[in-house]
Amino acid sequence: MSNNTAPVSNCTLETCSLSQAYLDYDPSLAGNAFYVGIFGALLLVQCYQGYYYRTWTYTLGMLLGLSGEVIGYIARIQMSFNPFLANPFLMYLICLTIAPVFISATIYLCLSRIVVIYGADHSRFRPKTYTAVFMSCDFISLLLQAAGGAIADTYLTNLPLQNTGVHIMVAGLAFQVASLFLFAALCVEYALRVMKKRGSLTTEYSQLTQTRKFNLFLGSLAFSTLAIITRSAYRLAELQGGFSSALANNEPLLMIFDGAMMVLACLSLTIFHAGWALQSNWGDVLSKPASPALPQANGIRKD
């Protein structure tokens, strides 16, 4: 917004200037509809994959994240018709801000299983410790971003309180970025440990680690993490200047560094789905400790 007062609810594009709206531009109908279509299609595919592979926790994280993206872009479509309404702005602001938190949680769930598959004895921490720590970080980040967004939108006519809300959102985003960097660092550290001891990997999942599917899955996790880090760093920079900053009112940058990054992350996690890569082992990996390798364990083939 270019002013410090809330837009008049009965304004329209024909009767009021965009300087009185929640955004300094009229959101693109085609661009936002495109993202609704993409995320909506991925949501439906994830529903099918979750049922087919029985990857319930993985699917839950993806569905929550994709639903947030769909709702956020539907709200932006509403704003393309009337950028003076408060509810669509609040939906867009909060949903697009917190949706990636759920996608990150999905990736965190994968790490604990990867540690079991390669062997927990190579890890600095227990497999479930990774999940507990980073899911807790996700919850804190989610809480800060949601609370900050609600405060900022509630007090649009009170600049000091609005700025307080924005600062809380920025703190949540900064915490998310820091958590993602720490997660990436621990993944790299564990990967280096595994590479040094590759010849001694003798769990029942040893053959799984040699399949093309599993290695493509690992690559998709790394790619998705990088995409989410890029998106979160952009949103952090965007919100630091408040809602009226030039960066916060630049739709092409939002479409590229938020929308496109999240499409790439979700597309990668859908094409190289955990259930497809782990060959029906998603539910079993954490339920029992890995035992010494057996010939043709679990019927896994190198394909």
C-alpha atoms as a PDB file:
ATOM      1  CA  MET A   1       0.000   0.000   0.000  1.00  0.00           C
ATOM      2  CA  SER A   2       1.244   3.448  -0.784  1.00  0.00           C
ATOM      3  CA  ASN A   3      -0.621   5.020   2.133  1.00  0.00           C
ATOM      4  CA  ASN A   4      -0.956   4.211   5.812  1.00  0.00           C
ATOM      5  CA  THR A   5      -4.721   3.846   5.952  1.00  0.00           C
ATOM      6  CA  ALA A   6      -6.825   0.815   5.188  1.00  0.00           C
ATOM      7  CA  PRO A   7      -8.530   0.833   1.770  1.00  0.00           C
ATOM      8  CA  VAL A   8     -12.194   1.710   1.670  1.00  0.00           C
ATOM      9  CA  SER A   9     -14.166  -1.557   1.408  1.00  0.00           C
ATOM     10  CA  ASN A  10     -16.681  -0.156  -1.086  1.00  0.00           C
ATOM     11  CA  CYS A  11     -13.964   1.013  -3.486  1.00  0.00           C
ATOM     12  CA  THR A  12     -13.652  -0.543  -6.945  1.00  0.00           C
ATOM     13  CA  LEU A  13     -11.078  -0.184  -9.724  1.00  0.00           C
ATOM     14  CA  GLU A  14     -13.510   2.158 -11.453  1.00  0.00           C
ATOM     15  CA  THR A  15     -14.114   4.448  -8.464  1.00  0.00           C
ATOM     16  CA  CYS A  16     -10.788   4.521  -6.581  1.00  0.00           C
ATOM     17  CA  SER A  17      -7.090   4.775  -7.329  1.00  0.00           C
ATOM     18  CA  LEU A  18      -4.757   1.796  -6.830  1.00  0.00           C
ATOM     19  CA  SER A  19      -2.862   3.993  -4.371  1.00  0.00           C
ATOM     20  CA  GLN A  20      -5.771   3.321  -2.008  1.00  0.00           C
ATOM     21  CA  ALA A  21      -5.649  -0.466  -2.460  1.00  0.00           C
ATOM     22  CA  TYR A  22      -3.824  -3.158  -0.498  1.00  0.00           C
ATOM     23  CA  LEU A  23      -1.380  -3.498  -3.391  1.00  0.00           C
ATOM     24  CA  ASP A  24       0.022  -0.852  -5.716  1.00  0.00           C
ATOM     25  CA  TYR A  25      -0.842  -3.005  -8.731  1.00  0.00           C
ATOM     26  CA  ASP A  26      -3.749  -5.003 -10.089  1.00  0.00           C
ATOM     27  CA  PRO A  27      -2.776  -8.710  -9.722  1.00  0.00           C
ATOM     28  CA  SER A  28      -2.605 -10.647 -12.977  1.00  0.00           C
ATOM     29  CA  LEU A  29      -5.696 -12.822 -13.459  1.00  0.00           C
ATOM     30  CA  ALA A  30      -3.971 -15.138 -15.959  1.00  0.00           C
ATOM     31  CA  GLY A  31      -0.760 -15.495 -13.957  1.00  0.00           C
ATOM     32  CA  ASN A  32      -2.480 -16.284 -10.676  1.00  0.00           C
ATOM     33  CA  ALA A  33      -4.994 -18.620 -12.342  1.00  0.00           C
ATOM     34  CA  PHE A  34      -2.041 -20.484 -13.869  1.00  0.00           C
ATOM     35  CA  TYR A  35      -0.582 -21.122 -10.414  1.00  0.00           C
ATOM     36  CA  VAL A  36      -3.972 -22.198  -9.044  1.00  0.00           C
ATOM     37  CA  GLY A  37      -4.171 -24.742 -11.863  1.00  0.00           C
ATOM     38  CA  ILE A  38      -0.622 -26.047 -11.331  1.00  0.00           C
ATOM     39  CA  PHE A  39      -0.868 -26.378  -7.551  1.00  0.00           C
ATOM     40  CA  GLY A  40      -4.400 -27.771  -7.780  1.00  0.00           C
ATOM     41  CA  ALA A  41      -3.270 -30.479 -10.220  1.00  0.00           C
ATOM     42  CA  LEU A  42      -0.310 -31.384  -8.007  1.00  0.00           C
ATOM     43  CA  LEU A  43      -2.646 -31.598  -5.006  1.00  0.00           C
ATOM     44  CA  LEU A  44      -4.847 -34.135  -6.805  1.00  0.00           C
ATOM     45  CA  VAL A  45      -1.827 -36.179  -7.903  1.00  0.00           C
ATOM     46  CA  GLN A  46      -0.486 -36.169  -4.338  1.00  0.00           C
ATOM     47  CA  CYS A  47      -3.841 -37.453  -3.069  1.00  0.00           C
ATOM     48  CA  TYR A  48      -3.627 -40.396  -5.453  1.00  0.00           C
ATOM     49  CA  GLN A  49       0.054 -41.061  -4.675  1.00  0.00           C
ATOM     50  CA  GLY A  50      -0.551 -40.934  -0.937  1.00  0.00           C
ATOM     51  CA  TYR A  51      -3.324 -43.523  -1.213  1.00  0.00           C
ATOM     52  CA  TYR A  52      -1.371 -45.714  -3.634  1.00  0.00           C
ATOM     53  CA  TYR A  53       1.934 -45.706  -1.733  1.00  0.00           C
ATOM     54  CA  ARG A  54       0.433 -45.330   1.783  1.00  0.00           C
ATOM     55  CA  THR A  55       2.812 -42.445   2.565  1.00  0.00           C
ATOM     56  CA  TRP A  56       0.397 -40.765   4.952  1.00  0.00           C
ATOM     57  CA  THR A  57       2.707 -38.317   6.741  1.00  0.00           C
ATOM     58  CA  TYR A  58       4.512 -37.328   3.538  1.00  0.00           C
ATOM     59  CA  THR A  59       1.178 -36.795   1.836  1.00  0.00           C
ATOM     60  CA  LEU A  60      -0.253 -34.778   4.730  1.00  0.00           C
ATOM     61  CA  GLY A  61       2.602 -32.281   4.580  1.00  0.00           C
ATOM     62  CA  MET A  62       2.306 -31.947   0.807  1.00  0.00           C
ATOM     63  CA  LEU A  63      -1.479 -31.552   0.899  1.00  0.00           C
ATOM     64  CA  LEU A  64      -1.331 -28.827   3.556  1.00  0.00           C
ATOM     65  CA  GLY A  65       1.353 -26.954   1.652  1.00  0.00           C
ATOM     66  CA  LEU A  66      -0.343 -27.283  -1.741  1.00  0.00           C
ATOM     67  CA  SER A  67      -3.709 -26.303  -0.256  1.00  0.00           C
ATOM     68  CA  GLY A  68      -2.120 -23.157   1.152  1.00  0.00           C
ATOM     69  CA  GLU A  69      -0.676 -22.297  -2.258  1.00  0.00           C
ATOM     70  CA  VAL A  70      -4.049 -22.848  -3.960  1.00  0.00           C
ATOM     71  CA  ILE A  71      -5.926 -20.716  -1.414  1.00  0.00           C
ATOM     72  CA  GLY A  72      -3.290 -17.982  -1.588  1.00  0.00           C
ATOM     73  CA  TYR A  73      -3.474 -17.691  -5.371  1.00  0.00           C
ATOM     74  CA  ILE A  74      -7.279 -17.895  -5.393  1.00  0.00           C
ATOM     75  CA  ALA A  75      -7.202 -14.911  -3.029  1.00  0.00           C
ATOM     76  CA  ARG A  76      -4.936 -13.082  -5.479  1.00  0.00           C
ATOM     77  CA  ILE A  77      -7.453 -13.816  -8.244  1.00  0.00           C
ATOM     78  CA  GLN A  78     -10.115 -12.193  -6.067  1.00  0.00           C
ATOM     79  CA  MET A  79      -7.812  -9.209  -5.655  1.00  0.00           C
ATOM     80  CA  SER A  80      -7.423  -8.928  -9.417  1.00  0.00           C
ATOM     81  CA  PHE A  81     -11.137  -8.051  -9.512  1.00  0.00           C
ATOM     82  CA  ASN A  82     -11.119  -5.932  -6.366  1.00  0.00           C
ATOM     83  CA  PRO A  83      -7.788  -5.122  -4.642  1.00  0.00           C
ATOM     84  CA  PHE A  84      -9.594  -3.099  -1.957  1.00  0.00           C
ATOM     85  CA  LEU A  85     -11.017  -6.064   0.000  1.00  0.00           C
ATOM     86  CA  ALA A  86      -9.320  -7.042   3.269  1.00  0.00           C
ATOM     87  CA  ASN A  87     -10.143 -10.763   3.429  1.00  0.00           C
ATOM     88  CA  PRO A  88      -8.495 -11.788   0.137  1.00  0.00           C
ATOM     89  CA  PHE A  89      -5.402  -9.787   1.082  1.00  0.00           C
ATOM     90  CA  LEU A  90      -5.214 -11.564   4.445  1.00  0.00           C
ATOM     91  CA  MET A  91      -5.702 -14.968   2.801  1.00  0.00           C
ATOM     92  CA  TYR A  92      -3.017 -14.260   0.212  1.00  0.00           C
ATOM     93  CA  LEU A  93      -0.566 -12.863   2.730  1.00  0.00           C
ATOM     94  CA  ILE A  94      -0.824 -15.644   5.306  1.00  0.00           C
ATOM     95  CA  CYS A  95      -1.374 -18.654   3.029  1.00  0.00           C
ATOM     96  CA  LEU A  96       1.485 -17.954   0.624  1.00  0.00           C
ATOM     97  CA  THR A  97       3.743 -17.120   3.542  1.00  0.00           C
ATOM     98  CA  ILE A  98       3.166 -20.268   5.586  1.00  0.00           C
ATOM     99  CA  ALA A  99       2.480 -22.882   2.856  1.00  0.00           C
ATOM    100  CA  PRO A 100       6.191 -23.654   2.257  1.00  0.00           C
ATOM    101  CA  VAL A 101       6.565 -24.518   5.952  1.00  0.00           C
ATOM    102  CA  PHE A 102       4.506 -27.671   5.350  1.00  0.00           C
ATOM    103  CA  ILE A 103       6.529 -28.582   2.262  1.00  0.00           C
ATOM    104  CA  SER A 104       9.710 -28.196   4.326  1.00  0.00           C
ATOM    105  CA  ALA A 105       8.212 -30.484   6.969  1.00  0.00           C
ATOM    106  CA  THR A 106       7.706 -33.136   4.288  1.00  0.00           C
ATOM    107  CA  ILE A 107      11.387 -32.951   3.389  1.00  0.00           C
ATOM    108  CA  TYR A 108      12.369 -33.192   7.059  1.00  0.00           C
ATOM    109  CA  LEU A 109      10.369 -36.413   7.358  1.00  0.00           C
ATOM    110  CA  CYS A 110      12.421 -37.892   4.537  1.00  0.00           C
ATOM    111  CA  LEU A 111      15.789 -37.298   6.213  1.00  0.00           C
ATOM    112  CA  SER A 112      15.088 -39.547   9.191  1.00  0.00           C
ATOM    113  CA  ARG A 113      14.241 -42.389   6.812  1.00  0.00           C
ATOM    114  CA  ILE A 114      17.318 -41.774   4.696  1.00  0.00           C
ATOM    115  CA  VAL A 115      19.456 -42.027   7.835  1.00  0.00           C
ATOM    116  CA  VAL A 116      17.897 -45.413   8.688  1.00  0.00           C
ATOM    117  CA  ILE A 117      18.315 -46.646   5.117  1.00  0.00           C
ATOM    118  CA  TYR A 118      22.024 -45.819   4.983  1.00  0.00           C
ATOM    119  CA  GLY A 119      22.603 -46.743   8.624  1.00  0.00           C
ATOM    120  CA  ALA A 120      22.035 -44.754  11.806  1.00  0.00           C
ATOM    121  CA  ASP A 121      25.537 -45.628  13.000  1.00  0.00           C
ATOM    122  CA  HIS A 122      26.902 -43.203  10.396  1.00  0.00           C
ATOM    123  CA  SER A 123      24.803 -40.340  11.741  1.00  0.00           C
ATOM    124  CA  ARG A 124      25.698 -37.769  14.373  1.00  0.00           C
ATOM    125  CA  PHE A 125      22.108 -37.923  15.685  1.00  0.00           C
ATOM    126  CA  ARG A 126      19.378 -40.523  15.954  1.00  0.00           C
ATOM    127  CA  PRO A 127      17.031 -40.608  12.943  1.00  0.00           C
ATOM    128  CA  LYS A 128      13.976 -39.380  14.865  1.00  0.00           C
ATOM    129  CA  THR A 129      16.021 -36.561  16.415  1.00  0.00           C
ATOM    130  CA  TYR A 130      16.235 -34.892  13.003  1.00  0.00           C
ATOM    131  CA  THR A 131      12.465 -35.045  12.641  1.00  0.00           C
ATOM    132  CA  ALA A 132      11.788 -33.779  16.177  1.00  0.00           C
ATOM    133  CA  VAL A 133      14.230 -30.851  15.948  1.00  0.00           C
ATOM    134  CA  PHE A 134      13.283 -29.599  12.500  1.00  0.00           C
ATOM    135  CA  MET A 135       9.557 -30.153  12.899  1.00  0.00           C
ATOM    136  CA  SER A 136       9.798 -28.056  16.070  1.00  0.00           C
ATOM    137  CA  CYS A 137      11.617 -25.368  14.095  1.00  0.00           C
ATOM    138  CA  ASP A 138       8.869 -25.527  11.479  1.00  0.00           C
ATOM    139  CA  PHE A 139       6.196 -25.096  14.142  1.00  0.00           C
ATOM    140  CA  ILE A 140       7.933 -22.034  15.613  1.00  0.00           C
ATOM    141  CA  SER A 141       8.368 -20.536  12.149  1.00  0.00           C
ATOM    142  CA  LEU A 142       4.721 -21.247  11.302  1.00  0.00           C
ATOM    143  CA  LEU A 143       3.503 -19.691  14.541  1.00  0.00           C
ATOM    144  CA  LEU A 144       5.547 -16.522  14.075  1.00  0.00           C
ATOM    145  CA  GLN A 145       4.551 -16.042  10.448  1.00  0.00           C
ATOM    146  CA  ALA A 146       0.849 -16.680  11.023  1.00  0.00           C
ATOM    147  CA  ALA A 147       0.704 -14.451  14.120  1.00  0.00           C
ATOM    148  CA  GLY A 148       2.666 -11.688  12.420  1.00  0.00           C
ATOM    149  CA  GLY A 149       0.445 -11.788   9.358  1.00  0.00           C
ATOM    150  CA  ALA A 150      -2.710 -11.616  11.454  1.00  0.00           C
ATOM    151  CA  ILE A 151      -1.405  -8.668  13.492  1.00  0.00           C
ATOM    152  CA  ALA A 152      -0.193  -6.771  10.439  1.00  0.00           C
ATOM    153  CA  ASP A 153      -3.503  -7.172   8.630  1.00  0.00           C
ATOM    154  CA  THR A 154      -5.643  -6.414  11.695  1.00  0.00           C
ATOM    155  CA  TYR A 155      -3.879  -3.126  12.395  1.00  0.00           C
ATOM    156  CA  LEU A 156      -3.598  -1.680   8.885  1.00  0.00           C
ATOM    157  CA  THR A 157      -4.721   1.711  10.191  1.00  0.00           C
ATOM    158  CA  ASN A 158      -2.141   1.672  12.991  1.00  0.00           C
ATOM    159  CA  LEU A 159       1.316   1.900  11.415  1.00  0.00           C
ATOM    160  CA  PRO A 160       3.357   1.040  14.567  1.00  0.00           C
ATOM    161  CA  LEU A 161       1.307  -2.111  15.236  1.00  0.00           C
ATOM    162  CA  GLN A 162       1.299  -2.996  11.534  1.00  0.00           C
ATOM    163  CA  ASN A 163       5.094  -2.771  11.535  1.00  0.00           C
ATOM    164  CA  THR A 164       5.197  -4.966  14.643  1.00  0.00           C
ATOM    165  CA  GLY A 165       3.247  -7.633  12.769  1.00  0.00           C
ATOM    166  CA  VAL A 166       5.558  -7.369   9.771  1.00  0.00           C
ATOM    167  CA  HIS A 167       8.614  -7.677  12.029  1.00  0.00           C
ATOM    168  CA  ILE A 168       7.165 -10.834  13.594  1.00  0.00           C
ATOM    169  CA  MET A 169       6.615 -12.286  10.123  1.00  0.00           C
ATOM    170  CA  VAL A 170      10.176 -11.388   9.169  1.00  0.00           C
ATOM    171  CA  ALA A 171      11.426 -13.101  12.331  1.00  0.00           C
ATOM    172  CA  GLY A 172       9.478 -16.234  11.371  1.00  0.00           C
ATOM    173  CA  LEU A 173      10.886 -16.195   7.839  1.00  0.00           C
ATOM    174  CA  ALA A 174      14.406 -15.595   9.120  1.00  0.00           C
ATOM    175  CA  PHE A 175      14.022 -18.525  11.509  1.00  0.00           C
ATOM    176  CA  GLN A 176      12.782 -20.685   8.633  1.00  0.00           C
ATOM    177  CA  VAL A 177      15.747 -19.740   6.424  1.00  0.00           C
ATOM    178  CA  ALA A 178      18.197 -20.443   9.265  1.00  0.00           C
ATOM    179  CA  SER A 179      16.523 -23.815   9.918  1.00  0.00           C
ATOM    180  CA  LEU A 180      16.736 -24.738   6.240  1.00  0.00           C
ATOM    181  CA  PHE A 181      20.431 -23.823   6.097  1.00  0.00           C
ATOM    182  CA  LEU A 182      21.110 -25.897   9.220  1.00  0.00           C
ATOM    183  CA  PHE A 183      19.133 -28.784   7.717  1.00  0.00           C
ATOM    184  CA  ALA A 184      21.114 -28.559   4.471  1.00  0.00           C
ATOM    185  CA  ALA A 185      24.403 -28.447   6.391  1.00  0.00           C
ATOM    186  CA  LEU A 186      23.506 -31.558   8.409  1.00  0.00           C
ATOM    187  CA  CYS A 187      22.453 -33.360   5.222  1.00  0.00           C
ATOM    188  CA  VAL A 188      25.788 -32.575   3.589  1.00  0.00           C
ATOM    189  CA  GLU A 189      27.648 -33.636   6.732  1.00  0.00           C
ATOM    190  CA  TYR A 190      25.794 -36.951   6.843  1.00  0.00           C
ATOM    191  CA  ALA A 191      26.335 -37.508   3.114  1.00  0.00           C
ATOM    192  CA  LEU A 192      30.087 -37.041   3.567  1.00  0.00           C
ATOM    193  CA  ARG A 193      30.085 -39.573   6.407  1.00  0.00           C
ATOM    194  CA  VAL A 194      28.227 -42.076   4.234  1.00  0.00           C
ATOM    195  CA  MET A 195      30.580 -41.553   1.295  1.00  0.00           C
ATOM    196  CA  LYS A 196      33.581 -42.281   3.484  1.00  0.00           C
ATOM    197  CA  LYS A 197      32.033 -45.542   4.677  1.00  0.00           C
ATOM    198  CA  ARG A 198      30.162 -46.563   1.542  1.00  0.00           C
ATOM    199  CA  GLY A 199      31.839 -49.983   1.474  1.00  0.00           C
ATOM    200  CA  SER A 200      30.520 -50.803   4.937  1.00  0.00           C
ATOM    201  CA  LEU A 201      26.816 -50.087   4.237  1.00  0.00           C
ATOM    202  CA  THR A 202      25.309 -53.444   5.099  1.00  0.00           C
ATOM    203  CA  THR A 203      21.723 -52.773   6.191  1.00  0.00           C
ATOM    204  CA  GLU A 204      18.779 -54.565   4.630  1.00  0.00           C
ATOM    205  CA  TYR A 205      18.219 -51.422   2.541  1.00  0.00           C
ATOM    206  CA  SER A 206      21.703 -51.475   0.972  1.00  0.00           C
ATOM    207  CA  GLN A 207      20.348 -52.528  -2.409  1.00  0.00           C
ATOM    208  CA  LEU A 208      17.756 -49.753  -2.300  1.00  0.00           C
ATOM    209  CA  THR A 209      20.498 -47.108  -2.096  1.00  0.00           C
ATOM    210  CA  GLN A 210      21.918 -48.377  -5.395  1.00  0.00           C
ATOM    211  CA  THR A 211      18.714 -47.974  -7.384  1.00  0.00           C
ATOM    212  CA  ARG A 212      18.246 -45.142  -9.862  1.00  0.00           C
ATOM    213  CA  LYS A 213      14.878 -44.295  -8.313  1.00  0.00           C
ATOM    214  CA  PHE A 214      16.346 -43.735  -4.876  1.00  0.00           C
ATOM    215  CA  ASN A 215      19.162 -41.545  -6.155  1.00  0.00           C
ATOM    216  CA  LEU A 216      16.756 -39.451  -8.201  1.00  0.00           C
ATOM    217  CA  PHE A 217      14.693 -39.076  -5.033  1.00  0.00           C
ATOM    218  CA  LEU A 218      17.765 -37.811  -3.135  1.00  0.00           C
ATOM    219  CA  GLY A 219      18.436 -35.318  -5.922  1.00  0.00           C
ATOM    220  CA  SER A 220      14.830 -34.105  -5.791  1.00  0.00           C
ATOM    221  CA  LEU A 221      15.105 -33.462  -2.045  1.00  0.00           C
ATOM    222  CA  ALA A 222      18.263 -31.406  -2.537  1.00  0.00           C
ATOM    223  CA  PHE A 223      16.696 -29.467  -5.421  1.00  0.00           C
ATOM    224  CA  SER A 224      13.468 -28.819  -3.497  1.00  0.00           C
ATOM    225  CA  THR A 225      15.373 -27.630  -0.427  1.00  0.00           C
ATOM    226  CA  LEU A 226      17.364 -25.174  -2.554  1.00  0.00           C
ATOM    227  CA  ALA A 227      14.166 -23.896  -4.207  1.00  0.00           C
ATOM    228  CA  ILE A 228      12.472 -23.330  -0.835  1.00  0.00           C
ATOM    229  CA  ILE A 229      15.557 -21.570   0.546  1.00  0.00           C
ATOM    230  CA  THR A 230      15.544 -19.272  -2.512  1.00  0.00           C
ATOM    231  CA  ARG A 231      11.848 -18.539  -2.065  1.00  0.00           C
ATOM    232  CA  SER A 232      12.143 -17.916   1.686  1.00  0.00           C
ATOM    233  CA  ALA A 233      15.150 -15.613   1.243  1.00  0.00           C
ATOM    234  CA  TYR A 234      13.156 -13.606  -1.309  1.00  0.00           C
ATOM    235  CA  ARG A 235      10.124 -13.291   0.984  1.00  0.00           C
ATOM    236  CA  LEU A 236      12.423 -12.270   3.827  1.00  0.00           C
ATOM    237  CA  ALA A 237      13.854  -9.444   1.719  1.00  0.00           C
ATOM    238  CA  GLU A 238      10.380  -8.530   0.447  1.00  0.00           C
ATOM    239  CA  LEU A 239       8.786  -8.123   3.862  1.00  0.00           C
ATOM    240  CA  GLN A 240      11.662  -6.276   5.476  1.00  0.00           C
ATOM    241  CA  GLY A 241      10.512  -3.122   3.709  1.00  0.00           C
ATOM    242  CA  GLY A 242       6.878  -3.562   4.770  1.00  0.00           C
ATOM    243  CA  PHE A 243       3.777  -3.830   2.615  1.00  0.00           C
ATOM    244  CA  SER A 244       4.393  -0.526   0.850  1.00  0.00           C
ATOM    245  CA  SER A 245       7.952  -1.270  -0.315  1.00  0.00           C
ATOM    246  CA  ALA A 246       8.792  -1.505  -4.013  1.00  0.00           C
ATOM    247  CA  LEU A 247       9.790  -5.166  -3.634  1.00  0.00           C
ATOM    248  CA  ALA A 248       6.493  -6.062  -1.926  1.00  0.00           C
ATOM    249  CA  ASN A 249       4.613  -4.512  -4.850  1.00  0.00           C
ATOM    250  CA  ASN A 250       6.562  -6.141  -7.678  1.00  0.00           C
ATOM    251  CA  GLU A 251       4.345  -8.932  -9.022  1.00  0.00           C
ATOM    252  CA  PRO A 252       6.814 -10.370 -11.609  1.00  0.00           C
ATOM    253  CA  LEU A 253       9.380 -10.986  -8.858  1.00  0.00           C
ATOM    254  CA  LEU A 254       6.701 -12.617  -6.690  1.00  0.00           C
ATOM    255  CA  MET A 255       5.704 -14.877  -9.569  1.00  0.00           C
ATOM    256  CA  ILE A 256       9.313 -15.932 -10.183  1.00  0.00           C
ATOM    257  CA  PHE A 257      10.869 -16.155  -6.733  1.00  0.00           C
ATOM    258  CA  ASP A 258       7.801 -17.343  -4.831  1.00  0.00           C
ATOM    259  CA  GLY A 259       5.391 -19.001  -7.253  1.00  0.00           C
ATOM    260  CA  ALA A 260       7.895 -20.573  -9.644  1.00  0.00           C
ATOM    261  CA  MET A 261      10.228 -21.733  -6.862  1.00  0.00           C
ATOM    262  CA  MET A 262       7.373 -23.469  -5.050  1.00  0.00           C
ATOM    263  CA  VAL A 263       6.103 -25.030  -8.282  1.00  0.00           C
ATOM    264  CA  LEU A 264       9.568 -26.462  -8.943  1.00  0.00           C
ATOM    265  CA  ALA A 265       9.869 -27.773  -5.375  1.00  0.00           C
ATOM    266  CA  CYS A 266       6.412 -29.385  -5.338  1.00  0.00           C
ATOM    267  CA  LEU A 267       6.777 -30.741  -8.859  1.00  0.00           C
ATOM    268  CA  SER A 268      10.071 -32.373  -7.922  1.00  0.00           C
ATOM    269  CA  LEU A 269       8.580 -33.929  -4.775  1.00  0.00           C
ATOM    270  CA  THR A 270       5.669 -35.233  -6.831  1.00  0.00           C
ATOM    271  CA  ILE A 271       7.558 -36.677  -9.812  1.00  0.00           C
ATOM    272  CA  PHE A 272      10.201 -38.277  -7.596  1.00  0.00           C
ATOM    273  CA  HIS A 273       7.750 -39.243  -4.886  1.00  0.00           C
ATOM    274  CA  ALA A 274       9.048 -40.886  -1.703  1.00  0.00           C
ATOM    275  CA  GLY A 275       6.718 -43.867  -2.100  1.00  0.00           C
ATOM    276  CA  TRP A 276       7.951 -44.452  -5.649  1.00  0.00           C
ATOM    277  CA  ALA A 277      11.589 -44.207  -4.590  1.00  0.00           C
ATOM    278  CA  LEU A 278      11.390 -46.232  -1.369  1.00  0.00           C
ATOM    279  CA  GLN A 279       9.359 -48.980  -3.065  1.00  0.00           C
ATOM    280  CA  SER A 280       6.674 -49.309  -0.371  1.00  0.00           C
ATOM    281  CA  ASN A 281       9.180 -49.029   2.503  1.00  0.00           C
ATOM    282  CA  TRP A 282       7.997 -45.587   3.737  1.00  0.00           C
ATOM    283  CA  GLY A 283       5.931 -46.935   6.621  1.00  0.00           C
ATOM    284  CA  ASP A 284       8.410 -49.674   7.575  1.00  0.00           C
ATOM    285  CA  VAL A 285      11.699 -47.774   7.698  1.00  0.00           C
ATOM    286  CA  LEU A 286      11.119 -46.052  11.043  1.00  0.00           C
ATOM    287  CA  SER A 287       9.000 -48.783  12.596  1.00  0.00           C
ATOM    288  CA  LYS A 288      11.902 -51.192  12.965  1.00  0.00           C
ATOM    289  CA  PRO A 289      15.685 -50.841  13.093  1.00  0.00           C
ATOM    290  CA  ALA A 290      17.569 -51.827   9.970  1.00  0.00           C
ATOM    291  CA  SER A 291      19.034 -55.298  10.163  1.00  0.00           C
ATOM    292  CA  PRO A 292      22.079 -56.714   8.345  1.00  0.00           C
ATOM    293  CA  ALA A 293      21.630 -57.013   4.623  1.00  0.00           C
ATOM    294  CA  LEU A 294      20.040 -60.112   3.187  1.00  0.00           C
ATOM    295  CA  PRO A 295      20.199 -61.282  -0.427  1.00  0.00           C
ATOM    296  CA  GLN A 296      17.479 -59.547  -2.460  1.00  0.00           C
ATOM    297  CA  ALA A 297      16.106 -57.922   0.713  1.00  0.00           C
ATOM    298  CA  ASN A 298      12.547 -56.680   0.335  1.00  0.00           C
ATOM    299  CA  GLY A 299      12.569 -57.745  -3.294  1.00  0.00           C
ATOM    300  CA  ILE A 300      14.363 -54.528  -4.271  1.00  0.00           C
ATOM    301  CA  ARG A 301      15.659 -54.364  -7.833  1.00  0.00           C
ATOM    302  CA  LYS A 302      18.281 -52.029  -9.256  1.00  0.00           C
ATOM    303  CA  ASP A 303      16.050 -50.076 -11.578  1.00  0.00           C
END
